[in-house]
Amino acid sequence: MNREDKKEKLLELSSLIKRTGELYANILSSDKIDDKIEEILELETKGDEIQDILDKDFATQKNIPYLAIDRAKLLRRMDNILDNFRIASLTYKLYHKYLPDDFDGKISVISEKITVMSDKLSVAIDLIYTDFSKSLEVVDQIEKIRDETQDITFDIEGAYFNSLDGTTGWKSFQAVSQIIKKTTNCIRSIKSASEILTLMAYKYS
């Protein structure tokens, strides 16, 4: 596989992440979730196929340049993002019927930030092929958004816990807690991928 083919596959994978982020954000604020979850599962499977193709190509190379090694690390992180979105979607499907009525409104700001982070990661990955410094600028924006979401998710979970009815409200809080936990894992995995881009920018720009 030549360099352009590898680039095409990596960018295809980043587009899957962007689409998956959009779908998951929509799931958090929608009653019609089954079709979206099914598409996320399909995208995650497609991502596994792309990763397998690239892994097999890397395995055939005896002397891999440093840049290629870093891209192989990035590939691992990108696959992890899709895995986390898959798990988060299935968790939402399991728990959503127990969510408080006002959950959609409270989580909407997180939904928006997931969409933005997924989009920015896709942009940053594209930029590593043309301009490391610009990629780093986008990665810095991802870091800022991640920091903002940490405070918001903590506040949401804390508020529900404090309002918990100790006799009947545990299922509701468990649903909120599990969904926020899995959503936070998605956000962290996007940040983890962006850290590889940061290191690449420092090395090669």
N, C-alpha and C. Protein backbone atom coordinates (compact mmCIF):
# COMPACT_ATOMS: atom_id res chain seq x y z
N MET A 1 0.84 -1.19 0.00
CA MET A 1 0.00 0.00 0.00
C MET A 1 0.88 1.25 0.00
N ASN A 2 0.65 2.15 -0.95
CA ASN A 2 1.48 3.35 -1.02
C ASN A 2 0.97 4.41 -0.03
N ARG A 3 1.73 5.50 0.02
CA ARG A 3 1.43 6.55 1.01
C ARG A 3 0.04 7.14 0.81
N GLU A 4 -0.34 7.38 -0.43
CA GLU A 4 -1.65 7.97 -0.71
C GLU A 4 -2.79 7.05 -0.31
N ASP A 5 -2.60 5.74 -0.52
CA ASP A 5 -3.62 4.78 -0.11
C ASP A 5 -3.79 4.77 1.41
N LYS A 6 -2.67 4.83 2.12
CA LYS A 6 -2.72 4.87 3.58
C LYS A 6 -3.42 6.14 4.06
N LYS A 7 -3.07 7.25 3.43
CA LYS A 7 -3.70 8.52 3.78
C LYS A 7 -5.20 8.44 3.56
N GLU A 8 -5.61 7.88 2.44
CA GLU A 8 -7.03 7.77 2.12
C GLU A 8 -7.77 6.94 3.18
N LYS A 9 -7.15 5.85 3.62
CA LYS A 9 -7.77 4.99 4.62
C LYS A 9 -7.86 5.69 5.98
N LEU A 10 -6.80 6.40 6.35
CA LEU A 10 -6.81 7.11 7.63
C LEU A 10 -7.86 8.22 7.63
N LEU A 11 -7.96 8.93 6.53
CA LEU A 11 -8.96 9.99 6.44
C LEU A 11 -10.38 9.43 6.38
N GLU A 12 -10.51 8.26 5.78
CA GLU A 12 -11.82 7.59 5.78
C GLU A 12 -12.22 7.24 7.21
N LEU A 13 -11.24 6.78 7.98
CA LEU A 13 -11.50 6.45 9.38
C LEU A 13 -11.88 7.71 10.18
N SER A 14 -11.21 8.81 9.89
CA SER A 14 -11.54 10.05 10.61
C SER A 14 -12.94 10.53 10.25
N SER A 15 -13.37 10.29 9.02
CA SER A 15 -14.74 10.67 8.63
C SER A 15 -15.77 9.80 9.34
N LEU A 16 -15.42 8.54 9.61
CA LEU A 16 -16.31 7.67 10.37
C LEU A 16 -16.47 8.19 11.80
N ILE A 17 -15.37 8.68 12.37
CA ILE A 17 -15.43 9.24 13.72
C ILE A 17 -16.32 10.47 13.73
N LYS A 18 -16.16 11.32 12.76
CA LYS A 18 -16.99 12.53 12.68
C LYS A 18 -18.47 12.17 12.61
N ARG A 19 -18.82 11.24 11.75
CA ARG A 19 -20.21 10.82 11.60
C ARG A 19 -20.73 10.15 12.87
N THR A 20 -19.91 9.32 13.48
CA THR A 20 -20.32 8.63 14.70
C THR A 20 -20.57 9.61 15.83
N GLY A 21 -19.70 10.62 15.94
CA GLY A 21 -19.90 11.66 16.95
C GLY A 21 -21.21 12.39 16.75
N GLU A 22 -21.54 12.70 15.50
CA GLU A 22 -22.80 13.37 15.19
C GLU A 22 -23.99 12.49 15.58
N LEU A 23 -23.91 11.22 15.27
CA LEU A 23 -25.00 10.30 15.58
C LEU A 23 -25.19 10.16 17.08
N TYR A 24 -24.08 10.01 17.81
CA TYR A 24 -24.21 9.84 19.26
C TYR A 24 -24.77 11.10 19.91
N ALA A 25 -24.34 12.25 19.43
CA ALA A 25 -24.88 13.51 19.95
C ALA A 25 -26.38 13.58 19.72
N ASN A 26 -26.84 13.10 18.57
CA ASN A 26 -28.27 13.09 18.28
C ASN A 26 -29.03 12.10 19.16
N ILE A 27 -28.38 10.98 19.46
CA ILE A 27 -29.01 9.99 20.34
C ILE A 27 -29.31 10.59 21.71
N LEU A 28 -28.39 11.40 22.22
CA LEU A 28 -28.55 11.97 23.55
C LEU A 28 -29.74 12.92 23.66
N SER A 29 -30.24 13.37 22.53
CA SER A 29 -31.35 14.34 22.56
C SER A 29 -32.49 13.92 21.65
N SER A 30 -32.71 12.61 21.54
CA SER A 30 -33.76 12.12 20.64
C SER A 30 -34.43 10.88 21.22
N ASP A 31 -35.72 10.73 20.92
CA ASP A 31 -36.43 9.52 21.31
C ASP A 31 -36.26 8.42 20.26
N LYS A 32 -35.96 8.82 19.03
CA LYS A 32 -35.79 7.84 17.95
C LYS A 32 -34.31 7.47 17.85
N ILE A 33 -33.95 6.42 18.55
CA ILE A 33 -32.53 6.10 18.69
C ILE A 33 -32.09 4.83 17.97
N ASP A 34 -33.02 3.93 17.68
CA ASP A 34 -32.63 2.60 17.18
C ASP A 34 -31.85 2.66 15.87
N ASP A 35 -32.34 3.46 14.92
CA ASP A 35 -31.65 3.56 13.63
C ASP A 35 -30.26 4.18 13.79
N LYS A 36 -30.16 5.17 14.67
CA LYS A 36 -28.87 5.83 14.89
C LYS A 36 -27.88 4.88 15.54
N ILE A 37 -28.35 4.11 16.51
CA ILE A 37 -27.47 3.14 17.16
C ILE A 37 -27.02 2.08 16.17
N GLU A 38 -27.92 1.63 15.34
CA GLU A 38 -27.57 0.63 14.33
C GLU A 38 -26.51 1.16 13.38
N GLU A 39 -26.63 2.43 12.98
CA GLU A 39 -25.62 3.01 12.10
C GLU A 39 -24.27 3.13 12.80
N ILE A 40 -24.29 3.48 14.09
CA ILE A 40 -23.04 3.55 14.86
C ILE A 40 -22.35 2.19 14.89
N LEU A 41 -23.12 1.14 15.10
CA LEU A 41 -22.55 -0.22 15.13
C LEU A 41 -21.95 -0.57 13.76
N GLU A 42 -22.62 -0.16 12.70
CA GLU A 42 -22.11 -0.42 11.35
C GLU A 42 -20.83 0.36 11.10
N LEU A 43 -20.79 1.61 11.55
CA LEU A 43 -19.60 2.44 11.36
C LEU A 43 -18.42 1.89 12.16
N GLU A 44 -18.69 1.39 13.36
CA GLU A 44 -17.62 0.81 14.18
C GLU A 44 -17.05 -0.44 13.51
N THR A 45 -17.93 -1.25 12.92
CA THR A 45 -17.47 -2.43 12.18
C THR A 45 -16.63 -2.03 10.97
N LYS A 46 -17.08 -1.00 10.26
CA LYS A 46 -16.31 -0.49 9.11
C LYS A 46 -14.96 0.03 9.56
N GLY A 47 -14.92 0.69 10.72
CA GLY A 47 -13.66 1.18 11.26
C GLY A 47 -12.70 0.04 11.58
N ASP A 48 -13.24 -1.05 12.13
CA ASP A 48 -12.41 -2.23 12.41
C ASP A 48 -11.81 -2.80 11.13
N GLU A 49 -12.58 -2.77 10.07
CA GLU A 49 -12.09 -3.28 8.78
C GLU A 49 -10.95 -2.42 8.25
N ILE A 50 -11.10 -1.10 8.37
CA ILE A 50 -10.04 -0.20 7.92
C ILE A 50 -8.79 -0.38 8.77
N GLN A 51 -8.98 -0.47 10.08
CA GLN A 51 -7.83 -0.68 10.97
C GLN A 51 -7.10 -1.98 10.61
N ASP A 52 -7.85 -3.03 10.33
CA ASP A 52 -7.24 -4.32 9.99
C ASP A 52 -6.40 -4.20 8.72
N ILE A 53 -6.92 -3.47 7.72
CA ILE A 53 -6.17 -3.28 6.47
C ILE A 53 -4.86 -2.56 6.74
N LEU A 54 -4.92 -1.48 7.53
CA LEU A 54 -3.72 -0.70 7.83
C LEU A 54 -2.75 -1.47 8.72
N ASP A 55 -3.29 -2.22 9.69
CA ASP A 55 -2.43 -3.03 10.55
C ASP A 55 -1.64 -4.06 9.75
N LYS A 56 -2.30 -4.70 8.81
CA LYS A 56 -1.63 -5.71 8.00
C LYS A 56 -0.54 -5.06 7.14
N ASP A 57 -0.79 -3.86 6.67
CA ASP A 57 0.22 -3.17 5.88
C ASP A 57 1.42 -2.79 6.74
N PHE A 58 1.17 -2.26 7.94
CA PHE A 58 2.26 -1.92 8.84
C PHE A 58 3.10 -3.15 9.19
N ALA A 59 2.43 -4.29 9.34
CA ALA A 59 3.12 -5.52 9.74
C ALA A 59 4.09 -6.02 8.67
N THR A 60 3.86 -5.63 7.42
CA THR A 60 4.73 -6.09 6.34
C THR A 60 5.98 -5.23 6.18
N GLN A 61 6.02 -4.09 6.88
CA GLN A 61 7.14 -3.17 6.73
C GLN A 61 8.22 -3.47 7.77
N LYS A 62 9.43 -3.65 7.32
CA LYS A 62 10.53 -3.99 8.23
C LYS A 62 11.12 -2.75 8.88
N ASN A 63 11.23 -1.67 8.15
CA ASN A 63 11.81 -0.44 8.69
C ASN A 63 10.80 0.70 8.52
N ILE A 64 9.98 0.88 9.54
CA ILE A 64 8.92 1.88 9.47
C ILE A 64 9.46 3.23 9.91
N PRO A 65 9.33 4.26 9.11
CA PRO A 65 9.77 5.60 9.52
C PRO A 65 9.03 6.06 10.77
N TYR A 66 9.67 6.98 11.51
CA TYR A 66 9.06 7.46 12.75
C TYR A 66 7.66 8.03 12.51
N LEU A 67 7.48 8.76 11.43
CA LEU A 67 6.19 9.37 11.15
C LEU A 67 5.12 8.29 10.98
N ALA A 68 5.49 7.21 10.31
CA ALA A 68 4.54 6.11 10.11
C ALA A 68 4.20 5.44 11.44
N ILE A 69 5.17 5.33 12.33
CA ILE A 69 4.91 4.75 13.65
C ILE A 69 3.92 5.60 14.41
N ASP A 70 4.10 6.91 14.34
CA ASP A 70 3.17 7.81 15.02
C ASP A 70 1.77 7.70 14.42
N ARG A 71 1.69 7.52 13.13
CA ARG A 71 0.38 7.35 12.51
C ARG A 71 -0.25 6.03 12.92
N ALA A 72 0.58 5.01 13.15
CA ALA A 72 0.07 3.73 13.64
C ALA A 72 -0.49 3.90 15.06
N LYS A 73 0.16 4.71 15.87
CA LYS A 73 -0.36 5.00 17.22
C LYS A 73 -1.68 5.75 17.12
N LEU A 74 -1.74 6.69 16.21
CA LEU A 74 -2.97 7.45 16.01
C LEU A 74 -4.11 6.52 15.60
N LEU A 75 -3.80 5.55 14.76
CA LEU A 75 -4.79 4.57 14.32
C LEU A 75 -5.41 3.85 15.50
N ARG A 76 -4.59 3.47 16.47
CA ARG A 76 -5.08 2.79 17.69
C ARG A 76 -6.06 3.67 18.44
N ARG A 77 -5.70 4.93 18.58
CA ARG A 77 -6.55 5.87 19.33
C ARG A 77 -7.87 6.11 18.59
N MET A 78 -7.80 6.18 17.27
CA MET A 78 -9.02 6.39 16.49
C MET A 78 -9.96 5.20 16.61
N ASP A 79 -9.41 4.01 16.59
CA ASP A 79 -10.22 2.82 16.76
C ASP A 79 -10.88 2.82 18.14
N ASN A 80 -10.14 3.29 19.14
CA ASN A 80 -10.67 3.34 20.50
C ASN A 80 -11.86 4.31 20.60
N ILE A 81 -11.81 5.39 19.84
CA ILE A 81 -12.94 6.33 19.83
C ILE A 81 -14.21 5.63 19.34
N LEU A 82 -14.10 4.92 18.23
CA LEU A 82 -15.26 4.22 17.69
C LEU A 82 -15.77 3.16 18.66
N ASP A 83 -14.86 2.46 19.33
CA ASP A 83 -15.25 1.47 20.33
C ASP A 83 -16.05 2.13 21.46
N ASN A 84 -15.57 3.29 21.91
CA ASN A 84 -16.24 3.97 23.01
C ASN A 84 -17.62 4.49 22.61
N PHE A 85 -17.74 4.98 21.39
CA PHE A 85 -19.05 5.41 20.92
C PHE A 85 -20.01 4.23 20.83
N ARG A 86 -19.50 3.09 20.41
CA ARG A 86 -20.34 1.89 20.34
C ARG A 86 -20.86 1.52 21.74
N ILE A 87 -19.95 1.47 22.71
CA ILE A 87 -20.32 1.12 24.08
C ILE A 87 -21.30 2.15 24.66
N ALA A 88 -21.01 3.41 24.42
CA ALA A 88 -21.88 4.47 24.94
C ALA A 88 -23.29 4.38 24.34
N SER A 89 -23.37 4.07 23.06
CA SER A 89 -24.67 3.96 22.40
C SER A 89 -25.49 2.80 22.97
N LEU A 90 -24.83 1.66 23.16
CA LEU A 90 -25.53 0.50 23.72
C LEU A 90 -25.94 0.75 25.18
N THR A 91 -25.10 1.48 25.91
CA THR A 91 -25.45 1.85 27.28
C THR A 91 -26.67 2.75 27.30
N TYR A 92 -26.71 3.71 26.39
CA TYR A 92 -27.87 4.61 26.31
C TYR A 92 -29.13 3.81 25.99
N LYS A 93 -29.03 2.88 25.08
CA LYS A 93 -30.18 2.05 24.71
C LYS A 93 -30.71 1.29 25.92
N LEU A 94 -29.81 0.82 26.77
CA LEU A 94 -30.18 0.05 27.95
C LEU A 94 -30.86 0.90 29.01
N TYR A 95 -30.34 2.13 29.22
CA TYR A 95 -30.76 2.92 30.37
C TYR A 95 -31.72 4.07 30.06
N HIS A 96 -31.91 4.42 28.79
CA HIS A 96 -32.58 5.69 28.50
C HIS A 96 -34.01 5.77 29.03
N LYS A 97 -34.69 4.63 29.16
CA LYS A 97 -36.09 4.67 29.64
C LYS A 97 -36.18 5.08 31.11
N TYR A 98 -35.06 5.04 31.83
CA TYR A 98 -35.06 5.42 33.24
C TYR A 98 -34.60 6.86 33.47
N LEU A 99 -34.23 7.55 32.39
CA LEU A 99 -33.70 8.90 32.54
C LEU A 99 -34.77 9.89 33.01
N PRO A 100 -34.38 10.88 33.79
CA PRO A 100 -35.32 11.93 34.20
C PRO A 100 -35.83 12.69 32.97
N ASP A 101 -37.00 13.27 33.10
CA ASP A 101 -37.62 13.95 31.96
C ASP A 101 -36.79 15.13 31.45
N ASP A 102 -36.03 15.76 32.34
CA ASP A 102 -35.28 16.95 31.93
C ASP A 102 -33.84 16.63 31.49
N PHE A 103 -33.52 15.35 31.36
CA PHE A 103 -32.15 14.97 31.03
C PHE A 103 -31.74 15.49 29.65
N ASP A 104 -32.63 15.37 28.68
CA ASP A 104 -32.30 15.81 27.31
C ASP A 104 -31.84 17.26 27.29
N GLY A 105 -32.55 18.10 28.01
CA GLY A 105 -32.18 19.51 28.04
C GLY A 105 -30.85 19.76 28.71
N LYS A 106 -30.60 19.05 29.79
CA LYS A 106 -29.35 19.26 30.53
C LYS A 106 -28.14 18.73 29.77
N ILE A 107 -28.32 17.64 29.03
CA ILE A 107 -27.19 17.02 28.34
C ILE A 107 -26.95 17.65 26.97
N SER A 108 -27.84 18.53 26.53
CA SER A 108 -27.74 19.07 25.17
C SER A 108 -26.42 19.80 24.93
N VAL A 109 -25.91 20.50 25.94
CA VAL A 109 -24.64 21.22 25.75
C VAL A 109 -23.50 20.23 25.54
N ILE A 110 -23.56 19.06 26.17
CA ILE A 110 -22.55 18.03 25.96
C ILE A 110 -22.69 17.45 24.55
N SER A 111 -23.92 17.25 24.12
CA SER A 111 -24.16 16.75 22.75
C SER A 111 -23.49 17.65 21.72
N GLU A 112 -23.68 18.94 21.89
CA GLU A 112 -23.10 19.91 20.96
C GLU A 112 -21.58 19.84 20.97
N LYS A 113 -21.00 19.71 22.15
CA LYS A 113 -19.55 19.68 22.25
C LYS A 113 -18.96 18.40 21.67
N ILE A 114 -19.67 17.29 21.79
CA ILE A 114 -19.21 16.04 21.17
C ILE A 114 -19.18 16.19 19.65
N THR A 115 -20.21 16.80 19.10
CA THR A 115 -20.25 17.02 17.65
C THR A 115 -19.06 17.89 17.21
N VAL A 116 -18.81 18.95 17.95
CA VAL A 116 -17.71 19.86 17.61
C VAL A 116 -16.36 19.16 17.75
N MET A 117 -16.17 18.41 18.84
CA MET A 117 -14.89 17.71 19.05
C MET A 117 -14.63 16.69 17.96
N SER A 118 -15.65 15.93 17.58
CA SER A 118 -15.49 14.92 16.53
C SER A 118 -15.12 15.56 15.21
N ASP A 119 -15.77 16.68 14.92
CA ASP A 119 -15.48 17.41 13.68
C ASP A 119 -14.06 17.97 13.69
N LYS A 120 -13.67 18.56 14.80
CA LYS A 120 -12.34 19.16 14.89
C LYS A 120 -11.24 18.10 14.82
N LEU A 121 -11.48 16.94 15.40
CA LEU A 121 -10.48 15.87 15.31
C LEU A 121 -10.30 15.45 13.86
N SER A 122 -11.40 15.34 13.14
CA SER A 122 -11.32 14.98 11.72
C SER A 122 -10.51 16.02 10.94
N VAL A 123 -10.75 17.29 11.24
CA VAL A 123 -10.00 18.38 10.59
C VAL A 123 -8.52 18.29 10.94
N ALA A 124 -8.22 18.06 12.22
CA ALA A 124 -6.83 18.01 12.67
C ALA A 124 -6.08 16.85 12.04
N ILE A 125 -6.75 15.71 11.88
CA ILE A 125 -6.11 14.55 11.24
C ILE A 125 -5.80 14.86 9.78
N ASP A 126 -6.73 15.50 9.11
CA ASP A 126 -6.51 15.90 7.71
C ASP A 126 -5.31 16.84 7.60
N LEU A 127 -5.17 17.74 8.58
CA LEU A 127 -4.11 18.74 8.54
C LEU A 127 -2.71 18.17 8.79
N ILE A 128 -2.62 17.00 9.42
CA ILE A 128 -1.28 16.45 9.66
C ILE A 128 -0.58 16.09 8.35
N TYR A 129 -1.34 16.01 7.27
CA TYR A 129 -0.73 15.73 5.97
C TYR A 129 -0.30 16.99 5.24
N THR A 130 -0.68 18.14 5.78
CA THR A 130 -0.35 19.38 5.08
C THR A 130 0.31 20.43 5.96
N ASP A 131 -0.13 20.54 7.21
CA ASP A 131 0.36 21.63 8.06
C ASP A 131 0.25 21.25 9.53
N PHE A 132 1.38 20.82 10.11
CA PHE A 132 1.37 20.38 11.50
C PHE A 132 0.99 21.51 12.46
N SER A 133 1.44 22.71 12.17
CA SER A 133 1.17 23.82 13.09
C SER A 133 -0.33 24.14 13.13
N LYS A 134 -1.00 24.08 11.98
CA LYS A 134 -2.43 24.31 11.95
C LYS A 134 -3.18 23.18 12.65
N SER A 135 -2.68 21.96 12.49
CA SER A 135 -3.27 20.82 13.20
C SER A 135 -3.20 21.04 14.70
N LEU A 136 -2.06 21.57 15.16
CA LEU A 136 -1.88 21.82 16.58
C LEU A 136 -2.87 22.86 17.09
N GLU A 137 -3.17 23.85 16.29
CA GLU A 137 -4.16 24.87 16.68
C GLU A 137 -5.53 24.24 16.91
N VAL A 138 -5.90 23.33 16.03
CA VAL A 138 -7.20 22.66 16.17
C VAL A 138 -7.19 21.75 17.39
N VAL A 139 -6.08 21.07 17.63
CA VAL A 139 -5.96 20.19 18.79
C VAL A 139 -6.10 20.99 20.09
N ASP A 140 -5.53 22.18 20.12
CA ASP A 140 -5.68 23.04 21.31
C ASP A 140 -7.14 23.36 21.58
N GLN A 141 -7.92 23.53 20.52
CA GLN A 141 -9.35 23.79 20.67
C GLN A 141 -10.07 22.57 21.24
N ILE A 142 -9.64 21.38 20.82
CA ILE A 142 -10.21 20.14 21.36
C ILE A 142 -9.94 20.05 22.86
N GLU A 143 -8.72 20.39 23.26
CA GLU A 143 -8.37 20.34 24.68
C GLU A 143 -9.25 21.28 25.49
N LYS A 144 -9.49 22.46 24.98
CA LYS A 144 -10.31 23.44 25.69
C LYS A 144 -11.74 22.92 25.86
N ILE A 145 -12.28 22.35 24.81
CA ILE A 145 -13.65 21.81 24.88
C ILE A 145 -13.72 20.66 25.87
N ARG A 146 -12.72 19.79 25.85
CA ARG A 146 -12.69 18.68 26.79
C ARG A 146 -12.71 19.18 28.23
N ASP A 147 -11.92 20.19 28.52
CA ASP A 147 -11.88 20.75 29.87
C ASP A 147 -13.25 21.31 30.28
N GLU A 148 -13.92 21.95 29.33
CA GLU A 148 -15.24 22.51 29.62
C GLU A 148 -16.25 21.41 29.94
N THR A 149 -16.18 20.31 29.20
CA THR A 149 -17.15 19.23 29.40
C THR A 149 -16.96 18.53 30.73
N GLN A 150 -15.73 18.49 31.24
CA GLN A 150 -15.50 17.85 32.54
C GLN A 150 -16.32 18.52 33.62
N ASP A 151 -16.28 19.83 33.66
CA ASP A 151 -17.04 20.57 34.68
C ASP A 151 -18.55 20.38 34.49
N ILE A 152 -18.99 20.40 33.25
CA ILE A 152 -20.42 20.30 32.97
C ILE A 152 -20.96 18.93 33.37
N THR A 153 -20.28 17.87 32.99
CA THR A 153 -20.75 16.52 33.33
C THR A 153 -20.75 16.29 34.83
N PHE A 154 -19.75 16.82 35.52
CA PHE A 154 -19.71 16.70 36.98
C PHE A 154 -20.91 17.41 37.61
N ASP A 155 -21.23 18.59 37.11
CA ASP A 155 -22.35 19.36 37.63
C ASP A 155 -23.68 18.65 37.38
N ILE A 156 -23.84 18.07 36.19
CA ILE A 156 -25.09 17.37 35.86
C ILE A 156 -25.29 16.17 36.78
N GLU A 157 -24.26 15.34 36.90
CA GLU A 157 -24.39 14.15 37.74
C GLU A 157 -24.60 14.53 39.20
N GLY A 158 -23.85 15.53 39.67
CA GLY A 158 -23.99 15.96 41.06
C GLY A 158 -25.38 16.48 41.36
N ALA A 159 -25.95 17.24 40.43
CA ALA A 159 -27.28 17.80 40.63
C ALA A 159 -28.33 16.69 40.74
N TYR A 160 -28.23 15.68 39.89
CA TYR A 160 -29.18 14.58 39.97
C TYR A 160 -29.00 13.76 41.25
N PHE A 161 -27.78 13.58 41.66
CA PHE A 161 -27.54 12.84 42.90
C PHE A 161 -28.15 13.58 44.10
N ASN A 162 -27.96 14.87 44.13
CA ASN A 162 -28.47 15.66 45.26
C ASN A 162 -30.00 15.70 45.31
N SER A 163 -30.63 15.53 44.15
CA SER A 163 -32.10 15.55 44.11
C SER A 163 -32.70 14.15 44.17
N LEU A 164 -31.86 13.15 44.39
CA LEU A 164 -32.28 11.75 44.34
C LEU A 164 -33.27 11.42 45.44
N ASP A 165 -34.34 10.75 45.05
CA ASP A 165 -35.27 10.17 46.01
C ASP A 165 -34.68 8.85 46.47
N GLY A 166 -34.29 8.80 47.72
CA GLY A 166 -33.57 7.63 48.23
C GLY A 166 -34.33 6.33 48.17
N THR A 167 -35.64 6.39 48.04
CA THR A 167 -36.41 5.15 48.03
C THR A 167 -36.76 4.67 46.62
N THR A 168 -36.95 5.61 45.70
CA THR A 168 -37.39 5.20 44.37
C THR A 168 -36.53 5.73 43.23
N GLY A 169 -35.57 6.60 43.55
CA GLY A 169 -34.85 7.28 42.47
C GLY A 169 -33.56 6.66 42.04
N TRP A 170 -33.20 5.50 42.57
CA TRP A 170 -31.87 4.96 42.27
C TRP A 170 -31.72 4.56 40.82
N LYS A 171 -32.78 4.04 40.20
CA LYS A 171 -32.68 3.65 38.79
C LYS A 171 -32.43 4.87 37.92
N SER A 172 -33.10 5.95 38.24
CA SER A 172 -32.93 7.18 37.48
C SER A 172 -31.49 7.68 37.59
N PHE A 173 -30.96 7.69 38.80
CA PHE A 173 -29.59 8.17 38.96
C PHE A 173 -28.59 7.21 38.32
N GLN A 174 -28.83 5.92 38.43
CA GLN A 174 -27.94 4.94 37.80
C GLN A 174 -27.90 5.15 36.29
N ALA A 175 -29.06 5.44 35.71
CA ALA A 175 -29.13 5.70 34.26
C ALA A 175 -28.31 6.94 33.91
N VAL A 176 -28.51 8.02 34.65
CA VAL A 176 -27.75 9.25 34.40
C VAL A 176 -26.26 9.00 34.56
N SER A 177 -25.89 8.33 35.64
CA SER A 177 -24.48 8.10 35.95
C SER A 177 -23.79 7.27 34.88
N GLN A 178 -24.44 6.18 34.46
CA GLN A 178 -23.83 5.31 33.45
C GLN A 178 -23.69 6.00 32.10
N ILE A 179 -24.70 6.75 31.70
CA ILE A 179 -24.65 7.43 30.41
C ILE A 179 -23.59 8.53 30.42
N ILE A 180 -23.52 9.28 31.51
CA ILE A 180 -22.49 10.31 31.61
C ILE A 180 -21.10 9.68 31.63
N LYS A 181 -20.94 8.57 32.33
CA LYS A 181 -19.64 7.89 32.38
C LYS A 181 -19.20 7.45 30.99
N LYS A 182 -20.09 6.82 30.25
CA LYS A 182 -19.73 6.34 28.91
C LYS A 182 -19.53 7.49 27.94
N THR A 183 -20.31 8.55 28.10
CA THR A 183 -20.13 9.74 27.25
C THR A 183 -18.78 10.39 27.52
N THR A 184 -18.42 10.46 28.79
CA THR A 184 -17.13 11.02 29.17
C THR A 184 -15.98 10.20 28.59
N ASN A 185 -16.15 8.88 28.54
CA ASN A 185 -15.13 8.02 27.93
C ASN A 185 -14.93 8.35 26.45
N CYS A 186 -16.03 8.67 25.75
CA CYS A 186 -15.92 9.07 24.34
C CYS A 186 -15.11 10.35 24.22
N ILE A 187 -15.41 11.31 25.09
CA ILE A 187 -14.71 12.59 25.07
C ILE A 187 -13.22 12.40 25.36
N ARG A 188 -12.93 11.56 26.35
CA ARG A 188 -11.54 11.29 26.69
C ARG A 188 -10.79 10.62 25.55
N SER A 189 -11.46 9.72 24.84
CA SER A 189 -10.79 9.03 23.74
C SER A 189 -10.49 9.97 22.58
N ILE A 190 -11.36 10.96 22.35
CA ILE A 190 -11.07 11.98 21.34
C ILE A 190 -9.85 12.79 21.76
N LYS A 191 -9.82 13.16 23.04
CA LYS A 191 -8.67 13.90 23.56
C LYS A 191 -7.39 13.08 23.45
N SER A 192 -7.49 11.77 23.72
CA SER A 192 -6.31 10.90 23.64
C SER A 192 -5.75 10.86 22.22
N ALA A 193 -6.63 10.80 21.23
CA ALA A 193 -6.18 10.83 19.83
C ALA A 193 -5.54 12.16 19.50
N SER A 194 -6.11 13.24 20.03
CA SER A 194 -5.55 14.56 19.75
C SER A 194 -4.16 14.73 20.36
N GLU A 195 -3.90 14.02 21.46
CA GLU A 195 -2.57 14.10 22.07
C GLU A 195 -1.49 13.52 21.14
N ILE A 196 -1.84 12.48 20.40
CA ILE A 196 -0.90 11.94 19.42
C ILE A 196 -0.60 12.99 18.35
N LEU A 197 -1.63 13.70 17.92
CA LEU A 197 -1.43 14.77 16.94
C LEU A 197 -0.55 15.87 17.50
N THR A 198 -0.71 16.17 18.78
CA THR A 198 0.13 17.18 19.42
C THR A 198 1.59 16.77 19.37
N LEU A 199 1.88 15.54 19.73
CA LEU A 199 3.25 15.04 19.72
C LEU A 199 3.83 15.04 18.30
N MET A 200 2.99 14.70 17.33
CA MET A 200 3.44 14.70 15.93
C MET A 200 3.77 16.13 15.49
N ALA A 201 2.94 17.08 15.91
CA ALA A 201 3.19 18.48 15.55
C ALA A 201 4.50 18.96 16.16
N TYR A 202 4.75 18.57 17.41
CA TYR A 202 6.00 18.99 18.07
C TYR A 202 7.22 18.38 17.37
N LYS A 203 7.06 17.14 16.92
CA LYS A 203 8.19 16.45 16.30
C LYS A 203 8.51 16.97 14.90
N TYR A 204 7.47 17.21 14.13
CA TYR A 204 7.69 17.37 12.69
C TYR A 204 7.43 18.78 12.16
N SER A 205 6.86 19.68 12.96
CA SER A 205 6.59 21.02 12.43
C SER A 205 7.84 21.89 12.56
